């Protein structure tokens, strides 16, 4: 595939993602399909970027370093939820990114193995990753939604399970706020980028 070619499956999958967005009430039909066109374009840009770094494999990260990142993410999620600085859900996160992008401090994308075949979800992930890269927001992936659910729990308002495929951590209202866990994760992401791992995967502790 050429650097500027967009695969046809990306366009059709983007269309399905647009339909889902339109049916959910998040976007009007016209806006949803404009978003789908943007998603397909971003897919093409992502393919071009991957071609540019083809052959550069991420260097392995030390086991202790990975364990430390998992512990830091657990602590950050607990702290953020206690402070009211956690937003869960793909659509909820997209709304927040559109309204107040400067307030987003960290992003977590989560997917189980069965989610890998959900092309619409992967389109959303591509959009979110592009947004985070453009706005210098550190982003990681987690491959165990159940562990996230055990930490974050159901919605406090409805008691229903939440969509945990995307979680945003926002800055609290207190001035001068610093979270040691967030600082550790920022360092982890920086070190990962140094070895060509732009969206590192973190394993949460048992």
N, C-alpha and C. Protein backbone atom coordinates (compact mmCIF):
# COMPACT_ATOMS: atom_id res chain seq x y z
N UNK A 1 0.85 -1.20 0.00
CA UNK A 1 0.00 0.00 0.00
C UNK A 1 0.87 1.25 0.00
N UNK A 2 0.59 2.20 -0.87
CA UNK A 2 1.34 3.43 -0.93
C UNK A 2 1.12 4.27 0.30
N UNK A 3 2.06 5.20 0.54
CA UNK A 3 2.02 5.99 1.77
C UNK A 3 0.75 6.83 1.85
N UNK A 4 0.20 7.23 0.68
CA UNK A 4 -0.96 8.11 0.70
C UNK A 4 -2.26 7.38 0.36
N UNK A 5 -2.23 6.05 0.25
CA UNK A 5 -3.44 5.31 -0.06
C UNK A 5 -4.17 4.96 1.23
N UNK A 6 -5.48 5.17 1.25
CA UNK A 6 -6.30 4.80 2.39
C UNK A 6 -7.00 3.49 2.05
N UNK A 7 -6.83 2.43 2.86
CA UNK A 7 -7.47 1.16 2.54
C UNK A 7 -8.99 1.29 2.53
N UNK A 8 -9.65 0.57 1.60
CA UNK A 8 -11.10 0.68 1.47
C UNK A 8 -11.79 0.23 2.74
N UNK A 9 -11.22 -0.75 3.46
CA UNK A 9 -11.87 -1.21 4.70
C UNK A 9 -11.87 -0.12 5.75
N UNK A 10 -10.87 0.78 5.71
CA UNK A 10 -10.86 1.89 6.67
C UNK A 10 -12.02 2.82 6.40
N UNK A 11 -12.31 3.07 5.09
CA UNK A 11 -13.39 3.97 4.75
C UNK A 11 -14.73 3.37 5.16
N UNK A 12 -14.95 2.08 4.86
CA UNK A 12 -16.21 1.46 5.21
C UNK A 12 -16.36 1.34 6.72
N UNK A 13 -15.27 1.05 7.43
CA UNK A 13 -15.32 0.97 8.89
C UNK A 13 -15.59 2.33 9.49
N UNK A 14 -14.99 3.36 8.89
CA UNK A 14 -15.26 4.72 9.36
C UNK A 14 -16.73 5.05 9.19
N UNK A 15 -17.33 4.56 8.09
CA UNK A 15 -18.76 4.77 7.89
C UNK A 15 -19.57 4.12 8.98
N UNK A 16 -19.20 2.90 9.36
CA UNK A 16 -19.92 2.22 10.44
C UNK A 16 -19.76 2.96 11.75
N UNK A 17 -18.57 3.47 12.00
CA UNK A 17 -18.35 4.25 13.22
C UNK A 17 -19.22 5.50 13.21
N UNK A 18 -19.36 6.11 12.02
CA UNK A 18 -20.19 7.30 11.91
C UNK A 18 -21.64 6.99 12.20
N UNK A 19 -22.13 5.85 11.67
CA UNK A 19 -23.52 5.46 11.93
C UNK A 19 -23.74 5.26 13.42
N UNK A 20 -22.77 4.62 14.09
CA UNK A 20 -22.90 4.40 15.53
C UNK A 20 -22.95 5.73 16.27
N UNK A 21 -22.12 6.69 15.84
CA UNK A 21 -22.11 8.00 16.48
C UNK A 21 -23.44 8.72 16.26
N UNK A 22 -23.97 8.60 15.04
CA UNK A 22 -25.23 9.27 14.71
C UNK A 22 -26.38 8.66 15.48
N UNK A 23 -26.40 7.32 15.59
CA UNK A 23 -27.49 6.66 16.30
C UNK A 23 -27.45 6.94 17.80
N UNK A 24 -26.25 7.14 18.33
CA UNK A 24 -26.13 7.40 19.76
C UNK A 24 -26.58 8.81 20.12
N UNK A 25 -26.76 9.66 19.10
CA UNK A 25 -27.16 11.04 19.36
C UNK A 25 -25.98 11.96 19.56
N UNK A 26 -24.75 11.43 19.48
CA UNK A 26 -23.58 12.27 19.69
C UNK A 26 -23.41 13.26 18.53
N UNK A 27 -23.68 12.80 17.30
CA UNK A 27 -23.51 13.64 16.13
C UNK A 27 -24.75 13.56 15.24
N UNK A 28 -25.01 14.62 14.49
CA UNK A 28 -26.03 14.57 13.46
C UNK A 28 -25.54 13.67 12.35
N UNK A 29 -26.44 13.26 11.46
CA UNK A 29 -26.03 12.34 10.39
C UNK A 29 -24.94 12.96 9.53
N UNK A 30 -25.12 14.23 9.14
CA UNK A 30 -24.11 14.87 8.30
C UNK A 30 -22.78 15.01 9.01
N UNK A 31 -22.83 15.43 10.28
CA UNK A 31 -21.59 15.60 11.04
C UNK A 31 -20.92 14.26 11.27
N UNK A 32 -21.73 13.22 11.46
CA UNK A 32 -21.15 11.90 11.70
C UNK A 32 -20.35 11.43 10.49
N UNK A 33 -20.90 11.64 9.31
CA UNK A 33 -20.18 11.18 8.12
C UNK A 33 -19.00 12.07 7.78
N UNK A 34 -19.06 13.34 8.15
CA UNK A 34 -17.86 14.18 8.01
C UNK A 34 -16.78 13.68 8.94
N UNK A 35 -17.18 13.25 10.15
CA UNK A 35 -16.21 12.67 11.09
C UNK A 35 -15.63 11.39 10.54
N UNK A 36 -16.48 10.60 9.86
CA UNK A 36 -15.99 9.35 9.26
C UNK A 36 -14.94 9.63 8.20
N UNK A 37 -15.18 10.66 7.37
CA UNK A 37 -14.19 11.03 6.37
C UNK A 37 -12.87 11.41 7.04
N UNK A 38 -12.98 12.14 8.16
CA UNK A 38 -11.77 12.51 8.90
C UNK A 38 -11.07 11.31 9.47
N UNK A 39 -11.86 10.34 9.94
CA UNK A 39 -11.27 9.12 10.50
C UNK A 39 -10.51 8.36 9.43
N UNK A 40 -11.10 8.26 8.23
CA UNK A 40 -10.42 7.57 7.14
C UNK A 40 -9.13 8.29 6.77
N UNK A 41 -9.18 9.62 6.77
CA UNK A 41 -7.98 10.40 6.45
C UNK A 41 -6.90 10.17 7.49
N UNK A 42 -7.32 10.14 8.77
CA UNK A 42 -6.36 9.90 9.83
C UNK A 42 -5.76 8.50 9.72
N UNK A 43 -6.60 7.53 9.29
CA UNK A 43 -6.09 6.18 9.09
C UNK A 43 -4.97 6.22 8.05
N UNK A 44 -5.17 7.00 6.98
CA UNK A 44 -4.15 7.11 5.95
C UNK A 44 -2.89 7.75 6.49
N UNK A 45 -3.05 8.80 7.32
CA UNK A 45 -1.88 9.45 7.92
C UNK A 45 -1.14 8.50 8.83
N UNK A 46 -1.91 7.69 9.56
CA UNK A 46 -1.28 6.72 10.46
C UNK A 46 -0.48 5.71 9.66
N UNK A 47 -1.04 5.26 8.53
CA UNK A 47 -0.33 4.31 7.69
C UNK A 47 0.95 4.92 7.16
N UNK A 48 0.90 6.21 6.77
CA UNK A 48 2.07 6.89 6.26
C UNK A 48 3.13 6.99 7.34
N UNK A 49 2.70 7.30 8.57
CA UNK A 49 3.65 7.41 9.67
C UNK A 49 4.30 6.07 9.95
N UNK A 50 3.50 4.98 9.89
CA UNK A 50 4.05 3.66 10.14
C UNK A 50 5.07 3.30 9.08
N UNK A 51 4.83 3.71 7.83
CA UNK A 51 5.80 3.43 6.78
C UNK A 51 7.11 4.17 7.03
N UNK A 52 7.00 5.38 7.57
CA UNK A 52 8.19 6.18 7.80
C UNK A 52 9.10 5.54 8.86
N UNK A 53 8.48 4.84 9.83
CA UNK A 53 9.29 4.25 10.90
C UNK A 53 9.42 2.74 10.73
N UNK A 54 9.04 2.24 9.52
CA UNK A 54 9.10 0.81 9.27
C UNK A 54 10.52 0.30 9.52
N UNK A 55 10.60 -0.81 10.21
CA UNK A 55 11.89 -1.39 10.50
C UNK A 55 12.44 -0.98 11.85
N UNK A 56 11.84 0.03 12.49
CA UNK A 56 12.29 0.45 13.80
C UNK A 56 11.41 -0.20 14.85
N UNK A 57 11.89 -1.27 15.45
CA UNK A 57 11.11 -1.99 16.44
C UNK A 57 11.32 -1.39 17.82
N UNK A 58 10.25 -1.30 18.63
CA UNK A 58 10.42 -0.79 19.99
C UNK A 58 11.39 -1.65 20.78
N UNK A 59 12.29 -1.00 21.50
CA UNK A 59 13.22 -1.74 22.34
C UNK A 59 12.48 -2.25 23.56
N UNK A 60 12.85 -3.43 24.08
CA UNK A 60 12.17 -3.97 25.25
C UNK A 60 12.38 -3.08 26.47
N UNK A 61 11.31 -2.94 27.25
CA UNK A 61 11.37 -2.13 28.47
C UNK A 61 11.54 -3.07 29.65
N UNK A 62 12.37 -2.68 30.62
CA UNK A 62 12.65 -3.54 31.77
C UNK A 62 11.40 -3.93 32.53
N UNK A 63 11.42 -5.16 33.07
CA UNK A 63 10.26 -5.68 33.80
C UNK A 63 9.93 -4.82 35.01
N UNK A 64 10.94 -4.41 35.76
CA UNK A 64 10.70 -3.58 36.95
C UNK A 64 10.08 -2.24 36.55
N UNK A 65 10.54 -1.68 35.44
CA UNK A 65 10.01 -0.40 34.95
C UNK A 65 8.55 -0.55 34.59
N UNK A 66 8.20 -1.68 33.94
CA UNK A 66 6.82 -1.93 33.56
C UNK A 66 5.94 -2.13 34.80
N UNK A 67 6.45 -2.85 35.77
CA UNK A 67 5.69 -3.05 37.01
C UNK A 67 5.43 -1.72 37.71
N UNK A 68 6.44 -0.86 37.73
CA UNK A 68 6.29 0.45 38.35
C UNK A 68 5.25 1.28 37.65
N UNK A 69 5.18 1.19 36.31
CA UNK A 69 4.18 1.93 35.54
C UNK A 69 2.79 1.41 35.84
N UNK A 70 2.63 0.10 35.98
CA UNK A 70 1.34 -0.48 36.31
C UNK A 70 0.84 -0.02 37.67
N UNK A 71 1.74 0.00 38.64
CA UNK A 71 1.38 0.47 39.99
C UNK A 71 1.02 1.94 39.95
N UNK A 72 1.79 2.74 39.20
CA UNK A 72 1.51 4.18 39.11
C UNK A 72 0.15 4.43 38.46
N UNK A 73 -0.20 3.65 37.43
CA UNK A 73 -1.49 3.83 36.78
C UNK A 73 -2.63 3.49 37.74
N UNK A 74 -2.47 2.42 38.49
CA UNK A 74 -3.48 2.05 39.50
C UNK A 74 -3.68 3.19 40.48
N UNK A 75 -2.58 3.75 40.99
CA UNK A 75 -2.67 4.84 41.97
C UNK A 75 -3.30 6.08 41.36
N UNK A 76 -2.96 6.38 40.10
CA UNK A 76 -3.52 7.56 39.44
C UNK A 76 -5.03 7.43 39.26
N UNK A 77 -5.49 6.26 38.84
CA UNK A 77 -6.92 6.05 38.63
C UNK A 77 -7.70 6.22 39.94
N UNK A 78 -7.16 5.65 41.02
CA UNK A 78 -7.82 5.77 42.32
C UNK A 78 -7.87 7.23 42.76
N UNK A 79 -6.73 7.92 42.63
CA UNK A 79 -6.64 9.32 43.04
C UNK A 79 -7.55 10.20 42.20
N UNK A 80 -7.56 9.98 40.89
CA UNK A 80 -8.37 10.81 39.99
C UNK A 80 -9.86 10.62 40.26
N UNK A 81 -10.26 9.41 40.50
CA UNK A 81 -11.67 9.17 40.78
C UNK A 81 -12.09 9.83 42.10
N UNK A 82 -11.22 9.77 43.08
CA UNK A 82 -11.52 10.39 44.38
C UNK A 82 -11.65 11.90 44.24
N UNK A 83 -10.85 12.50 43.37
CA UNK A 83 -10.88 13.95 43.18
C UNK A 83 -11.91 14.40 42.15
N UNK A 84 -12.60 13.45 41.52
CA UNK A 84 -13.56 13.82 40.50
C UNK A 84 -12.92 14.26 39.20
N UNK A 85 -11.74 13.69 38.90
CA UNK A 85 -10.97 14.10 37.72
C UNK A 85 -10.88 12.98 36.69
N UNK A 86 -11.84 12.07 36.70
CA UNK A 86 -11.80 10.92 35.80
C UNK A 86 -13.04 10.92 34.92
N UNK A 87 -12.83 10.81 33.61
CA UNK A 87 -13.92 10.72 32.64
C UNK A 87 -13.79 9.39 31.92
N UNK A 88 -14.85 8.59 31.93
CA UNK A 88 -14.82 7.27 31.31
C UNK A 88 -15.79 7.22 30.14
N UNK A 89 -15.38 6.51 29.08
CA UNK A 89 -16.24 6.33 27.91
C UNK A 89 -15.67 6.98 26.67
N UNK A 90 -15.79 6.30 25.54
CA UNK A 90 -15.27 6.84 24.28
C UNK A 90 -15.97 8.14 23.91
N UNK A 91 -17.31 8.14 23.93
CA UNK A 91 -18.04 9.33 23.54
C UNK A 91 -17.90 10.45 24.56
N UNK A 92 -17.93 10.09 25.85
CA UNK A 92 -17.75 11.09 26.89
C UNK A 92 -16.38 11.75 26.79
N UNK A 93 -15.37 10.94 26.49
CA UNK A 93 -14.02 11.47 26.34
C UNK A 93 -13.91 12.37 25.12
N UNK A 94 -14.57 11.97 24.02
CA UNK A 94 -14.53 12.79 22.80
C UNK A 94 -15.16 14.16 23.05
N UNK A 95 -16.26 14.17 23.79
CA UNK A 95 -16.92 15.44 24.11
C UNK A 95 -15.98 16.33 24.91
N UNK A 96 -15.33 15.76 25.92
CA UNK A 96 -14.42 16.54 26.77
C UNK A 96 -13.25 17.07 25.96
N UNK A 97 -12.71 16.24 25.08
CA UNK A 97 -11.59 16.68 24.25
C UNK A 97 -11.98 17.86 23.36
N UNK A 98 -13.21 17.85 22.88
CA UNK A 98 -13.67 18.95 22.03
C UNK A 98 -13.91 20.22 22.83
N UNK A 99 -14.43 20.07 24.05
CA UNK A 99 -14.82 21.24 24.84
C UNK A 99 -13.64 21.84 25.59
N UNK A 100 -12.79 20.99 26.17
CA UNK A 100 -11.73 21.50 27.05
C UNK A 100 -10.45 20.67 26.91
N UNK A 101 -9.82 20.68 25.74
CA UNK A 101 -8.64 19.83 25.53
C UNK A 101 -7.46 20.19 26.42
N UNK A 102 -7.33 21.46 26.79
CA UNK A 102 -6.18 21.87 27.59
C UNK A 102 -6.24 21.31 29.02
N UNK A 103 -7.41 20.82 29.42
CA UNK A 103 -7.57 20.31 30.77
C UNK A 103 -7.28 18.82 30.88
N UNK A 104 -7.03 18.16 29.74
CA UNK A 104 -6.76 16.72 29.74
C UNK A 104 -5.29 16.49 30.07
N UNK A 105 -5.04 15.69 31.12
CA UNK A 105 -3.68 15.45 31.57
C UNK A 105 -3.13 14.09 31.15
N UNK A 106 -4.01 13.11 30.93
CA UNK A 106 -3.53 11.76 30.64
C UNK A 106 -4.67 10.97 30.02
N UNK A 107 -4.32 10.01 29.16
CA UNK A 107 -5.33 9.21 28.47
C UNK A 107 -4.98 7.73 28.55
N UNK A 108 -6.01 6.92 28.80
CA UNK A 108 -5.86 5.46 28.84
C UNK A 108 -6.84 4.85 27.84
N UNK A 109 -6.32 4.05 26.91
CA UNK A 109 -7.16 3.28 26.01
C UNK A 109 -7.13 1.83 26.45
N UNK A 110 -8.29 1.19 26.50
CA UNK A 110 -8.35 -0.19 26.99
C UNK A 110 -9.14 -1.06 26.02
N UNK A 111 -8.63 -2.25 25.77
CA UNK A 111 -9.32 -3.19 24.89
C UNK A 111 -8.90 -4.61 25.25
N UNK A 112 -9.88 -5.50 25.30
CA UNK A 112 -9.60 -6.91 25.47
C UNK A 112 -9.30 -7.52 24.11
N UNK A 113 -8.91 -8.79 24.11
CA UNK A 113 -8.55 -9.43 22.85
C UNK A 113 -9.72 -9.44 21.87
N UNK A 114 -10.95 -9.64 22.38
CA UNK A 114 -12.10 -9.69 21.47
C UNK A 114 -12.41 -8.33 20.85
N UNK A 115 -11.90 -7.25 21.48
CA UNK A 115 -12.13 -5.92 20.93
C UNK A 115 -11.27 -5.62 19.72
N UNK A 116 -10.22 -6.42 19.50
CA UNK A 116 -9.31 -6.15 18.40
C UNK A 116 -10.02 -6.25 17.05
N UNK A 117 -11.09 -7.02 16.98
CA UNK A 117 -11.83 -7.15 15.73
C UNK A 117 -12.90 -6.09 15.55
N UNK A 118 -13.06 -5.21 16.52
CA UNK A 118 -14.06 -4.14 16.43
C UNK A 118 -13.43 -2.96 15.70
N UNK A 119 -13.64 -2.92 14.38
CA UNK A 119 -12.98 -1.91 13.56
C UNK A 119 -13.46 -0.51 13.91
N UNK A 120 -14.76 -0.37 14.24
CA UNK A 120 -15.27 0.95 14.61
C UNK A 120 -14.56 1.47 15.85
N UNK A 121 -14.34 0.59 16.83
CA UNK A 121 -13.63 0.99 18.04
C UNK A 121 -12.20 1.39 17.71
N UNK A 122 -11.55 0.64 16.82
CA UNK A 122 -10.18 0.96 16.44
C UNK A 122 -10.11 2.31 15.72
N UNK A 123 -11.15 2.65 14.95
CA UNK A 123 -11.21 3.97 14.31
C UNK A 123 -11.24 5.06 15.39
N UNK A 124 -12.08 4.85 16.41
CA UNK A 124 -12.14 5.81 17.51
C UNK A 124 -10.78 5.93 18.20
N UNK A 125 -10.12 4.79 18.41
CA UNK A 125 -8.81 4.81 19.03
C UNK A 125 -7.82 5.61 18.18
N UNK A 126 -7.89 5.44 16.85
CA UNK A 126 -7.00 6.18 15.96
C UNK A 126 -7.21 7.68 16.10
N UNK A 127 -8.47 8.09 16.16
CA UNK A 127 -8.80 9.51 16.33
C UNK A 127 -8.28 10.03 17.66
N UNK A 128 -8.49 9.28 18.72
CA UNK A 128 -8.07 9.72 20.06
C UNK A 128 -6.55 9.80 20.13
N UNK A 129 -5.87 8.80 19.57
CA UNK A 129 -4.41 8.83 19.58
C UNK A 129 -3.88 10.03 18.80
N UNK A 130 -4.50 10.33 17.67
CA UNK A 130 -4.07 11.48 16.88
C UNK A 130 -4.26 12.77 17.67
N UNK A 131 -5.40 12.88 18.35
CA UNK A 131 -5.67 14.06 19.16
C UNK A 131 -4.62 14.20 20.26
N UNK A 132 -4.32 13.11 20.95
CA UNK A 132 -3.35 13.17 22.05
C UNK A 132 -1.96 13.56 21.55
N UNK A 133 -1.56 13.01 20.40
CA UNK A 133 -0.25 13.36 19.84
C UNK A 133 -0.19 14.84 19.48
N UNK A 134 -1.28 15.33 18.90
CA UNK A 134 -1.32 16.73 18.47
C UNK A 134 -1.29 17.68 19.66
N UNK A 135 -1.86 17.24 20.78
CA UNK A 135 -1.98 18.11 21.95
C UNK A 135 -1.01 17.75 23.07
N UNK A 136 -0.01 16.92 22.76
CA UNK A 136 1.03 16.56 23.73
C UNK A 136 0.45 15.97 25.01
N UNK A 137 -0.53 15.08 24.84
CA UNK A 137 -1.12 14.36 25.97
C UNK A 137 -0.55 12.95 25.98
N UNK A 138 0.03 12.53 27.09
CA UNK A 138 0.56 11.18 27.19
C UNK A 138 -0.59 10.17 27.17
N UNK A 139 -0.36 9.07 26.48
CA UNK A 139 -1.40 8.07 26.28
C UNK A 139 -0.81 6.67 26.40
N UNK A 140 -1.54 5.77 27.06
CA UNK A 140 -1.11 4.38 27.20
C UNK A 140 -2.27 3.46 26.87
N UNK A 141 -1.95 2.18 26.69
CA UNK A 141 -2.97 1.18 26.45
C UNK A 141 -2.94 0.14 27.57
N UNK A 142 -4.11 -0.40 27.85
CA UNK A 142 -4.28 -1.48 28.83
C UNK A 142 -5.05 -2.60 28.14
N UNK A 143 -4.60 -3.83 28.32
CA UNK A 143 -5.24 -4.96 27.63
C UNK A 143 -6.11 -5.80 28.56
N UNK A 144 -6.62 -5.19 29.62
CA UNK A 144 -7.47 -5.93 30.55
C UNK A 144 -8.54 -4.98 31.10
N UNK A 145 -9.69 -4.96 30.42
CA UNK A 145 -10.77 -4.06 30.83
C UNK A 145 -11.32 -4.46 32.20
N UNK A 146 -11.30 -5.76 32.51
CA UNK A 146 -11.83 -6.24 33.79
C UNK A 146 -11.04 -5.66 34.97
N UNK A 147 -9.74 -5.56 34.81
CA UNK A 147 -8.92 -4.97 35.88
C UNK A 147 -9.25 -3.50 36.06
N UNK A 148 -9.46 -2.81 34.94
CA UNK A 148 -9.86 -1.41 35.03
C UNK A 148 -11.19 -1.27 35.75
N UNK A 149 -12.13 -2.15 35.43
CA UNK A 149 -13.45 -2.11 36.05
C UNK A 149 -13.34 -2.35 37.55
N UNK A 150 -12.42 -3.21 37.97
CA UNK A 150 -12.25 -3.48 39.39
C UNK A 150 -11.72 -2.25 40.13
N UNK A 151 -10.94 -1.43 39.43
CA UNK A 151 -10.38 -0.23 40.06
C UNK A 151 -11.38 0.92 40.03
N UNK A 152 -11.98 1.14 38.86
CA UNK A 152 -12.83 2.31 38.66
C UNK A 152 -14.26 2.06 39.15
N UNK A 153 -14.75 0.85 38.93
CA UNK A 153 -16.08 0.51 39.39
C UNK A 153 -17.17 1.06 38.48
N UNK A 154 -18.45 0.82 38.83
CA UNK A 154 -19.57 1.28 38.01
C UNK A 154 -19.79 2.79 38.15
N UNK A 155 -20.70 3.29 37.38
CA UNK A 155 -21.05 4.71 37.45
C UNK A 155 -21.61 5.04 38.83
N UNK A 156 -21.12 6.11 39.42
CA UNK A 156 -21.61 6.50 40.73
C UNK A 156 -23.05 7.00 40.67
N UNK A 157 -23.47 7.51 39.51
CA UNK A 157 -24.82 8.05 39.37
C UNK A 157 -25.86 6.96 39.16
N UNK A 158 -25.57 6.04 38.23
CA UNK A 158 -26.56 5.03 37.88
C UNK A 158 -26.27 3.65 38.45
N UNK A 159 -25.02 3.41 38.83
CA UNK A 159 -24.64 2.09 39.30
C UNK A 159 -24.42 1.09 38.17
N UNK A 160 -24.57 1.55 36.93
CA UNK A 160 -24.40 0.68 35.77
C UNK A 160 -22.92 0.60 35.38
N UNK A 161 -22.50 -0.52 34.77
CA UNK A 161 -21.12 -0.62 34.28
C UNK A 161 -20.82 0.49 33.28
N UNK A 162 -19.60 0.98 33.33
CA UNK A 162 -19.22 2.08 32.44
C UNK A 162 -18.42 1.58 31.25
N UNK A 163 -18.46 2.36 30.18
CA UNK A 163 -17.60 2.10 29.03
C UNK A 163 -16.19 2.53 29.43
N UNK A 164 -15.30 1.55 29.55
CA UNK A 164 -13.93 1.85 29.99
C UNK A 164 -12.92 1.71 28.87
N UNK A 165 -13.39 1.76 27.62
CA UNK A 165 -12.45 1.68 26.50
C UNK A 165 -11.57 2.92 26.41
N UNK A 166 -12.04 4.03 26.96
CA UNK A 166 -11.22 5.24 27.02
C UNK A 166 -11.46 5.93 28.36
N UNK A 167 -10.38 6.29 29.02
CA UNK A 167 -10.45 7.02 30.29
C UNK A 167 -9.53 8.23 30.18
N UNK A 168 -10.06 9.39 30.52
CA UNK A 168 -9.25 10.61 30.56
C UNK A 168 -9.08 11.05 32.00
N UNK A 169 -7.86 11.48 32.32
CA UNK A 169 -7.57 12.11 33.61
C UNK A 169 -7.44 13.60 33.36
N UNK A 170 -8.20 14.38 34.09
CA UNK A 170 -8.16 15.84 33.90
C UNK A 170 -7.49 16.49 35.10
N UNK A 171 -7.09 17.74 34.90
CA UNK A 171 -6.47 18.49 35.98
C UNK A 171 -7.53 18.96 36.97
N UNK A 172 -7.30 18.79 38.26
CA UNK A 172 -8.26 19.26 39.26
C UNK A 172 -8.23 20.78 39.36
N UNK A 173 -9.17 21.31 40.10
CA UNK A 173 -9.29 22.76 40.20
C UNK A 173 -8.22 23.38 41.09
N UNK A 174 -7.61 22.57 41.97
CA UNK A 174 -6.62 23.14 42.89
C UNK A 174 -5.38 23.62 42.12
N UNK A 175 -4.92 24.79 42.45
CA UNK A 175 -3.70 25.31 41.83
C UNK A 175 -2.48 24.60 42.41
N UNK A 176 -1.50 24.40 41.55
CA UNK A 176 -0.26 23.77 42.02
C UNK A 176 -0.38 22.29 42.29
N UNK A 177 -1.49 21.66 41.80
CA UNK A 177 -1.68 20.23 42.05
C UNK A 177 -0.65 19.41 41.30
N UNK A 178 -0.08 18.44 42.00
CA UNK A 178 0.85 17.50 41.37
C UNK A 178 0.56 16.12 41.91
N UNK A 179 0.59 15.14 41.06
CA UNK A 179 0.36 13.76 41.45
C UNK A 179 1.62 12.96 41.13
N UNK A 180 2.28 12.40 42.15
CA UNK A 180 3.51 11.64 41.90
C UNK A 180 3.30 10.50 40.91
N UNK A 181 2.13 9.85 40.96
CA UNK A 181 1.85 8.75 40.04
C UNK A 181 1.78 9.26 38.61
N UNK A 182 1.15 10.42 38.40
CA UNK A 182 1.08 11.01 37.06
C UNK A 182 2.47 11.39 36.57
N UNK A 183 3.28 11.96 37.44
CA UNK A 183 4.64 12.33 37.05
C UNK A 183 5.44 11.10 36.64
N UNK A 184 5.26 9.98 37.37
CA UNK A 184 5.96 8.74 37.02
C UNK A 184 5.50 8.22 35.67
N UNK A 185 4.19 8.33 35.39
CA UNK A 185 3.67 7.87 34.11
C UNK A 185 4.13 8.76 32.96
N UNK A 186 4.22 10.06 33.21
CA UNK A 186 4.75 10.97 32.19
C UNK A 186 6.18 10.58 31.84
N UNK A 187 6.98 10.26 32.84
CA UNK A 187 8.36 9.84 32.60
C UNK A 187 8.40 8.51 31.85
N UNK A 188 7.51 7.59 32.22
CA UNK A 188 7.44 6.29 31.54
C UNK A 188 7.11 6.48 30.06
N UNK A 189 6.15 7.35 29.76
CA UNK A 189 5.77 7.59 28.37
C UNK A 189 6.91 8.25 27.59
N UNK A 190 7.61 9.16 28.24
CA UNK A 190 8.75 9.82 27.58
C UNK A 190 9.84 8.80 27.25
N UNK A 191 10.15 7.94 28.20
CA UNK A 191 11.16 6.91 27.97
C UNK A 191 10.72 5.94 26.88
N UNK A 192 9.42 5.63 26.85
CA UNK A 192 8.90 4.72 25.82
C UNK A 192 9.03 5.33 24.43
N UNK A 193 8.74 6.63 24.32
CA UNK A 193 8.89 7.29 23.02
C UNK A 193 10.34 7.28 22.55
N UNK A 194 11.26 7.32 23.49
CA UNK A 194 12.68 7.30 23.14
C UNK A 194 13.09 6.00 22.46
N UNK A 195 12.29 4.94 22.68
CA UNK A 195 12.58 3.64 22.05
C UNK A 195 11.48 3.30 21.04
N UNK A 196 10.86 4.35 20.47
CA UNK A 196 9.88 4.21 19.38
C UNK A 196 8.60 3.50 19.78
N UNK A 197 8.24 3.56 21.06
CA UNK A 197 6.97 2.99 21.51
C UNK A 197 6.07 4.17 21.88
N UNK A 198 5.23 4.59 20.92
CA UNK A 198 4.50 5.85 21.07
C UNK A 198 3.24 5.70 21.91
N UNK A 199 2.67 4.51 21.95
CA UNK A 199 1.50 4.24 22.81
C UNK A 199 1.80 2.96 23.57
N UNK A 200 2.59 3.06 24.64
CA UNK A 200 3.03 1.85 25.36
C UNK A 200 1.87 1.15 26.05
N UNK A 201 1.99 -0.15 26.17
CA UNK A 201 1.00 -0.97 26.86
C UNK A 201 1.45 -1.19 28.30
N UNK A 202 0.52 -0.96 29.23
CA UNK A 202 0.81 -1.13 30.65
C UNK A 202 -0.01 -2.29 31.20
N UNK A 203 0.61 -3.11 32.03
CA UNK A 203 -0.08 -4.21 32.70
C UNK A 203 -0.39 -3.79 34.13
N UNK A 204 -1.65 -3.77 34.47
CA UNK A 204 -2.05 -3.38 35.84
C UNK A 204 -1.70 -4.50 36.80
N UNK A 205 -1.36 -4.16 38.05
CA UNK A 205 -1.02 -5.20 39.02
C UNK A 205 -2.24 -6.04 39.39
N UNK A 206 -1.97 -7.24 39.85
CA UNK A 206 -3.07 -8.14 40.26
C UNK A 206 -3.73 -7.61 41.53
